[in-house]
Protein backbone atom coordinates (compact mmCIF):
# COMPACT_ATOMS: atom_id res chain seq x y z
CA UNK A 1 -23.08 -72.83 63.20
CA UNK A 2 -23.85 -75.78 60.91
CA UNK A 3 -24.07 -75.51 57.14
CA UNK A 4 -27.83 -76.17 57.28
CA UNK A 5 -28.35 -73.44 59.88
CA UNK A 6 -26.31 -70.98 57.83
CA UNK A 7 -28.25 -71.88 54.68
CA UNK A 8 -31.57 -71.35 56.47
CA UNK A 9 -30.42 -68.00 57.85
CA UNK A 10 -29.28 -66.84 54.42
CA UNK A 11 -32.63 -67.98 53.00
CA UNK A 12 -34.48 -65.90 55.57
CA UNK A 13 -32.48 -62.81 54.70
CA UNK A 14 -33.01 -63.50 51.01
CA UNK A 15 -36.77 -63.64 51.63
CA UNK A 16 -36.57 -60.03 52.85
CA UNK A 17 -35.43 -59.03 49.36
CA UNK A 18 -38.63 -60.19 47.60
CA UNK A 19 -36.65 -62.00 44.86
CA UNK A 20 -39.53 -62.21 42.34
CA UNK A 21 -40.18 -58.48 42.54
CA UNK A 22 -36.48 -57.62 42.37
CA UNK A 23 -36.04 -59.92 39.37
CA UNK A 24 -38.71 -57.99 37.44
CA UNK A 25 -37.13 -54.68 38.47
CA UNK A 26 -33.66 -55.74 37.33
CA UNK A 27 -35.06 -57.18 34.10
CA UNK A 28 -36.68 -53.86 33.12
CA UNK A 29 -33.52 -51.99 34.13
CA UNK A 30 -31.40 -54.28 31.93
CA UNK A 31 -33.72 -53.71 28.99
CA UNK A 32 -33.41 -49.97 29.60
CA UNK A 33 -29.62 -50.32 29.36
CA UNK A 34 -29.77 -52.35 26.16
CA UNK A 35 -32.25 -49.96 24.51
CA UNK A 36 -30.15 -46.91 25.34
CA UNK A 37 -27.48 -47.56 22.71
CA UNK A 38 -27.41 -49.01 19.19
CA UNK A 39 -24.22 -50.85 20.08
CA UNK A 40 -23.11 -53.03 22.95
CA UNK A 41 -23.42 -51.88 26.54
CA UNK A 42 -19.99 -51.84 28.24
CA UNK A 43 -19.79 -55.04 30.27
CA UNK A 44 -18.62 -53.31 33.45
CA UNK A 45 -21.52 -50.84 33.34
CA UNK A 46 -24.02 -53.62 32.66
CA UNK A 47 -22.79 -55.72 35.58
CA UNK A 48 -22.31 -52.95 38.15
CA UNK A 49 -25.53 -51.14 37.25
CA UNK A 50 -27.57 -54.35 37.39
CA UNK A 51 -26.02 -55.31 40.72
CA UNK A 52 -26.42 -51.82 42.19
CA UNK A 53 -30.07 -51.56 41.16
CA UNK A 54 -30.75 -55.07 42.48
CA UNK A 55 -29.16 -54.24 45.83
CA UNK A 56 -31.12 -50.98 46.10
CA UNK A 57 -34.39 -52.75 45.27
CA UNK A 58 -33.58 -55.44 47.83
CA UNK A 59 -32.84 -52.77 50.43
CA UNK A 60 -36.20 -51.10 49.77
CA UNK A 61 -37.94 -54.48 50.03
CA UNK A 62 -36.30 -55.21 53.38
CA UNK A 63 -37.34 -51.80 54.73
CA UNK A 64 -40.86 -52.56 53.50
CA UNK A 65 -40.81 -55.76 55.60
CA UNK A 66 -39.87 -53.75 58.69
CA UNK A 67 -42.48 -51.03 58.21
CA UNK A 68 -45.22 -53.48 57.26
CA UNK A 69 -44.58 -56.05 59.98
CA UNK A 70 -47.84 -55.39 61.82
CA UNK A 71 -49.83 -55.52 58.58
CA UNK A 72 -48.04 -58.68 57.45
CA UNK A 73 -49.07 -60.45 60.67
CA UNK A 74 -52.75 -59.95 59.77
CA UNK A 75 -52.64 -61.04 56.12
CA UNK A 76 -52.58 -64.66 54.95
CA UNK A 77 -50.45 -63.70 51.95
CA UNK A 78 -47.67 -62.23 54.11
CA UNK A 79 -47.87 -63.77 57.59
CA UNK A 80 -45.24 -66.39 56.71
CA UNK A 81 -42.59 -63.75 56.08
CA UNK A 82 -39.51 -63.83 58.38
CA UNK A 83 -40.54 -60.95 60.68
CA UNK A 84 -44.13 -62.03 61.44
CA UNK A 85 -42.83 -65.51 62.16
CA UNK A 86 -40.18 -64.15 64.52
CA UNK A 87 -37.34 -65.76 62.56
CA UNK A 88 -35.69 -62.34 62.19
CA UNK A 89 -36.27 -59.21 64.24
CA UNK A 90 -36.68 -55.63 63.07
CA UNK A 91 -33.13 -54.64 64.02
CA UNK A 92 -31.65 -57.46 61.96
CA UNK A 93 -33.84 -56.68 58.96
CA UNK A 94 -33.13 -52.95 59.13
CA UNK A 95 -29.36 -53.52 59.47
CA UNK A 96 -29.50 -55.83 56.45
CA UNK A 97 -31.39 -53.19 54.48
CA UNK A 98 -28.88 -50.47 55.38
CA UNK A 99 -25.94 -52.63 54.32
CA UNK A 100 -27.57 -53.43 50.98
CA UNK A 101 -28.48 -49.79 50.39
CA UNK A 102 -24.96 -48.59 51.19
CA UNK A 103 -23.38 -51.17 48.89
CA UNK A 104 -25.80 -50.18 46.12
CA UNK A 105 -24.91 -46.49 46.39
CA UNK A 106 -21.16 -47.19 46.47
CA UNK A 107 -21.37 -49.36 43.37
CA UNK A 108 -23.47 -46.87 41.44
CA UNK A 109 -21.48 -43.78 42.44
CA UNK A 110 -18.01 -45.18 41.83
CA UNK A 111 -18.59 -47.70 39.04
CA UNK A 112 -21.58 -46.32 37.11
CA UNK A 113 -22.35 -42.58 37.47
CA UNK A 114 -23.69 -40.17 40.12
CA UNK A 115 -26.96 -39.45 38.28
CA UNK A 116 -27.95 -43.11 38.31
CA UNK A 117 -27.00 -43.33 41.99
CA UNK A 118 -29.13 -40.26 42.80
CA UNK A 119 -32.17 -41.49 40.88
CA UNK A 120 -31.86 -44.93 42.43
CA UNK A 121 -31.68 -43.43 45.91
CA UNK A 122 -34.78 -41.30 45.23
CA UNK A 123 -36.62 -44.41 44.02
CA UNK A 124 -35.56 -46.35 47.12
CA UNK A 125 -36.85 -43.61 49.42
CA UNK A 126 -39.98 -43.23 47.31
CA UNK A 127 -40.97 -46.87 47.70
CA UNK A 128 -39.59 -47.76 51.13
CA UNK A 129 -40.52 -44.55 52.96
CA UNK A 130 -42.98 -42.35 51.05
CA UNK A 131 -45.16 -45.18 49.73
CA UNK A 132 -44.87 -47.77 52.50
CA UNK A 133 -44.84 -45.49 55.55
CA UNK A 134 -47.22 -42.75 54.37
CA UNK A 135 -49.15 -43.16 51.11
CA UNK A 136 -50.14 -46.77 51.74
CA UNK A 137 -52.08 -45.72 54.83
CA UNK A 138 -53.20 -42.27 53.71
CA UNK A 139 -55.07 -42.66 50.42
CA UNK A 140 -56.69 -45.32 48.22
CA UNK A 141 -54.68 -43.79 45.38
CA UNK A 142 -51.52 -44.99 47.12
CA UNK A 143 -50.44 -47.35 44.37
CA UNK A 144 -51.01 -44.70 41.68
CA UNK A 145 -48.80 -42.11 43.36
CA UNK A 146 -46.30 -44.62 44.73
CA UNK A 147 -46.11 -46.32 41.33
CA UNK A 148 -43.60 -43.70 40.23
CA UNK A 149 -40.89 -45.44 42.26
CA UNK A 150 -41.70 -48.79 40.68
CA UNK A 151 -41.64 -47.27 37.19
CA UNK A 152 -38.07 -45.96 37.58
CA UNK A 153 -35.89 -49.06 36.81
CA UNK A 154 -35.74 -48.73 32.99
CA UNK A 155 -34.86 -45.05 33.43
CA UNK A 156 -32.10 -46.05 35.85
CA UNK A 157 -30.79 -48.56 33.33
CA UNK A 158 -30.84 -45.96 30.55
CA UNK A 159 -29.00 -43.32 32.59
CA UNK A 160 -26.46 -45.91 33.71
CA UNK A 161 -25.26 -46.16 30.12
CA UNK A 162 -25.77 -42.61 28.84
CA UNK A 163 -25.32 -40.55 32.01
CA UNK A 164 -28.38 -38.45 31.18
CA UNK A 165 -32.17 -38.55 31.10
CA UNK A 166 -33.66 -39.32 27.71
CA UNK A 167 -37.24 -38.85 26.43
CA UNK A 168 -37.34 -42.46 25.25
CA UNK A 169 -36.47 -43.64 28.75
CA UNK A 170 -39.40 -41.60 30.05
CA UNK A 171 -41.70 -43.50 27.66
CA UNK A 172 -40.69 -46.69 29.46
CA UNK A 173 -41.45 -44.96 32.75
CA UNK A 174 -44.93 -44.01 31.51
CA UNK A 175 -45.67 -47.58 30.43
CA UNK A 176 -44.84 -49.07 33.85
CA UNK A 177 -46.54 -46.18 35.64
CA UNK A 178 -49.84 -46.84 33.83
CA UNK A 179 -49.39 -50.63 34.16
CA UNK A 180 -49.03 -50.56 37.96
CA UNK A 181 -52.63 -49.68 39.02
CA UNK A 182 -54.44 -52.39 37.02
CA UNK A 183 -51.72 -54.87 37.98
CA UNK A 184 -51.96 -54.21 41.72
CA UNK A 185 -55.68 -53.47 41.97
CA UNK A 186 -56.43 -56.90 40.48
CA UNK A 187 -54.49 -58.43 43.38
CA UNK A 188 -56.19 -56.07 45.84
CA UNK A 189 -59.64 -57.24 44.72
CA UNK A 190 -58.63 -60.83 45.38
CA UNK A 191 -57.18 -59.91 48.80
CA UNK A 192 -59.82 -57.35 49.75
CA UNK A 193 -60.79 -58.99 53.04
CA UNK A 194 -57.15 -59.18 54.12
CA UNK A 195 -56.66 -55.48 53.44
CA UNK A 196 -59.81 -54.74 55.45
CA UNK A 197 -58.48 -56.80 58.37
CA UNK A 198 -55.11 -55.05 58.11
CA UNK A 199 -56.68 -51.58 57.96
CA UNK A 200 -55.06 -50.64 54.65
CA UNK A 201 -57.23 -48.29 52.53
CA UNK A 202 -56.76 -49.99 49.17
CA UNK A 203 -59.23 -48.93 46.49
CA UNK A 204 -61.47 -52.05 46.75
CA UNK A 205 -61.71 -51.45 50.51
CA UNK A 206 -62.66 -47.77 50.35
CA UNK A 207 -64.70 -47.68 47.13
CA UNK A 208 -65.78 -51.28 46.54
CA UNK A 209 -65.07 -53.90 43.89
CA UNK A 210 -67.26 -52.42 41.15
CA UNK A 211 -65.53 -49.04 41.32
CA UNK A 212 -62.11 -50.73 41.31
CA UNK A 213 -63.00 -52.90 38.31
CA UNK A 214 -64.04 -49.78 36.39
CA UNK A 215 -60.75 -48.11 37.19
CA UNK A 216 -58.80 -51.21 36.18
CA UNK A 217 -60.49 -50.95 32.79
CA UNK A 218 -59.81 -47.21 32.50
CA UNK A 219 -56.14 -47.60 33.42
CA UNK A 220 -55.82 -50.53 31.01
CA UNK A 221 -57.04 -48.27 28.21
CA UNK A 222 -54.42 -45.71 29.26
CA UNK A 223 -51.84 -48.48 29.26
CA UNK A 224 -52.77 -49.48 25.71
CA UNK A 225 -52.24 -45.88 24.59
CA UNK A 226 -48.94 -45.68 26.48
CA UNK A 227 -47.76 -48.97 24.99
CA UNK A 228 -48.16 -47.60 21.46
CA UNK A 229 -46.09 -44.46 22.16
CA UNK A 230 -42.72 -46.10 21.40
CA UNK A 231 -43.98 -46.83 17.89
CA UNK A 232 -45.59 -43.41 17.39
CA UNK A 233 -42.39 -41.62 18.44
CA UNK A 234 -40.16 -43.76 16.22
CA UNK A 235 -38.42 -45.44 19.13
CA UNK A 236 -39.70 -48.85 17.97
CA UNK A 237 -40.87 -50.29 14.68
CA UNK A 238 -43.62 -52.47 13.19
CA UNK A 239 -42.43 -55.68 14.86
CA UNK A 240 -42.94 -54.13 18.29
CA UNK A 241 -46.32 -52.66 17.31
CA UNK A 242 -47.66 -55.99 16.03
CA UNK A 243 -46.59 -57.81 19.16
CA UNK A 244 -47.73 -55.23 21.67
CA UNK A 245 -51.19 -54.97 20.09
CA UNK A 246 -51.64 -58.70 20.76
CA UNK A 247 -50.53 -58.21 24.38
CA UNK A 248 -52.86 -55.21 24.68
CA UNK A 249 -55.78 -57.27 23.39
CA UNK A 250 -55.12 -59.83 26.12
CA UNK A 251 -55.02 -57.21 28.87
CA UNK A 252 -58.18 -55.54 27.56
CA UNK A 253 -59.92 -58.92 27.53
CA UNK A 254 -59.16 -59.45 31.22
CA UNK A 255 -60.08 -55.87 32.14
CA UNK A 256 -63.41 -56.11 30.32
CA UNK A 257 -64.10 -59.52 31.82
CA UNK A 258 -63.40 -58.13 35.29
CA UNK A 259 -65.85 -55.31 34.67
CA UNK A 260 -68.69 -57.16 32.99
CA UNK A 261 -68.22 -60.83 33.99
CA UNK A 262 -66.80 -60.66 37.51
CA UNK A 263 -65.94 -64.32 38.16
CA UNK A 264 -64.09 -65.16 41.39
CA UNK A 265 -60.95 -66.41 39.65
CA UNK A 266 -60.56 -63.42 37.30
CA UNK A 267 -58.68 -61.00 39.61
CA UNK A 268 -55.76 -63.38 40.16
CA UNK A 269 -55.79 -64.39 36.50
CA UNK A 270 -55.58 -60.71 35.57
CA UNK A 271 -52.77 -60.18 38.07
CA UNK A 272 -50.82 -63.10 36.60
CA UNK A 273 -51.39 -61.91 33.02
CA UNK A 274 -50.23 -58.41 33.91
CA UNK A 275 -46.80 -59.78 34.84
CA UNK A 276 -46.62 -61.76 31.58
CA UNK A 277 -47.73 -58.62 29.75
CA UNK A 278 -44.95 -56.43 31.13
CA UNK A 279 -42.23 -58.98 30.51
CA UNK A 280 -43.55 -59.60 26.99
CA UNK A 281 -43.71 -55.89 26.21
CA UNK A 282 -40.12 -55.31 27.27
CA UNK A 283 -38.93 -58.36 25.33
CA UNK A 284 -40.71 -56.97 22.26
CA UNK A 285 -38.99 -53.62 22.75
CA UNK A 286 -35.65 -55.37 22.95
CA UNK A 287 -36.23 -57.64 19.97
CA UNK A 288 -37.46 -54.78 17.82
CA UNK A 289 -34.43 -52.69 18.87
CA UNK A 290 -32.05 -55.26 17.45
CA UNK A 291 -34.17 -55.88 14.36
CA UNK A 292 -34.01 -52.17 13.56
CA UNK A 293 -30.28 -52.19 14.24
CA UNK A 294 -29.75 -55.10 11.84
CA UNK A 295 -31.83 -53.42 9.13
CA UNK A 296 -29.87 -50.17 9.52
CA UNK A 297 -26.49 -51.92 9.30
């Protein structure tokens, strides 16, 4: 096997992991770790927890590729993935997923703590099996219910350091949980025809664009409320509040524009902003955490 062939094969397996999605998951988990303690996170915990969570998320993504192969073949956004193209087969992808999942559990059990391993496993099953195999095809509220799995990473990061669930970690869960519907429904509006062709009952397919735009606005309002909770509970200070209110204003602008000025380019613009929003919010949490620590020293 030549070096080029090996590189291409590795690239195809890497594509199964959905690197952009996994990067966001690991980022929020890392922030959860750093927020969990006023001091430094032990380096071994930081490294092994980040790696274990990344491997588990990659395993879930690969299982998603296997279960969604038929859907992926019918959608422009996904038909170039390795399985629809026939570059990899389902057995190869599933074996890869099982190896990643096993490595993730071993790392988390033996080098982090059993609670983090358990919660990570539940999240993996929640996304890869419960959401992908059942909820996605059963209800237009699929992303709302299934969003719980995607909201888990900062909780996993927090428990990796402390070994226990903490109310502040649950605030981070609530923020991502309320962020997920407006984030994904904006994409679903843009890809509505593809979801119709694939037979997936996303909200714009079953209830129409206008109904979905209204619910994006309603969930964005809930997200704004959720984003202020860290300040109201004393978890974060004025620096976080000032920054997050600016981010909230941006999200509300897009949500209102989607509802009342439905231009063709707005759904994807809203989707892109939602990613910037989440990363910005977690960076604000982190920056404020260290500002408060410096002021208390």
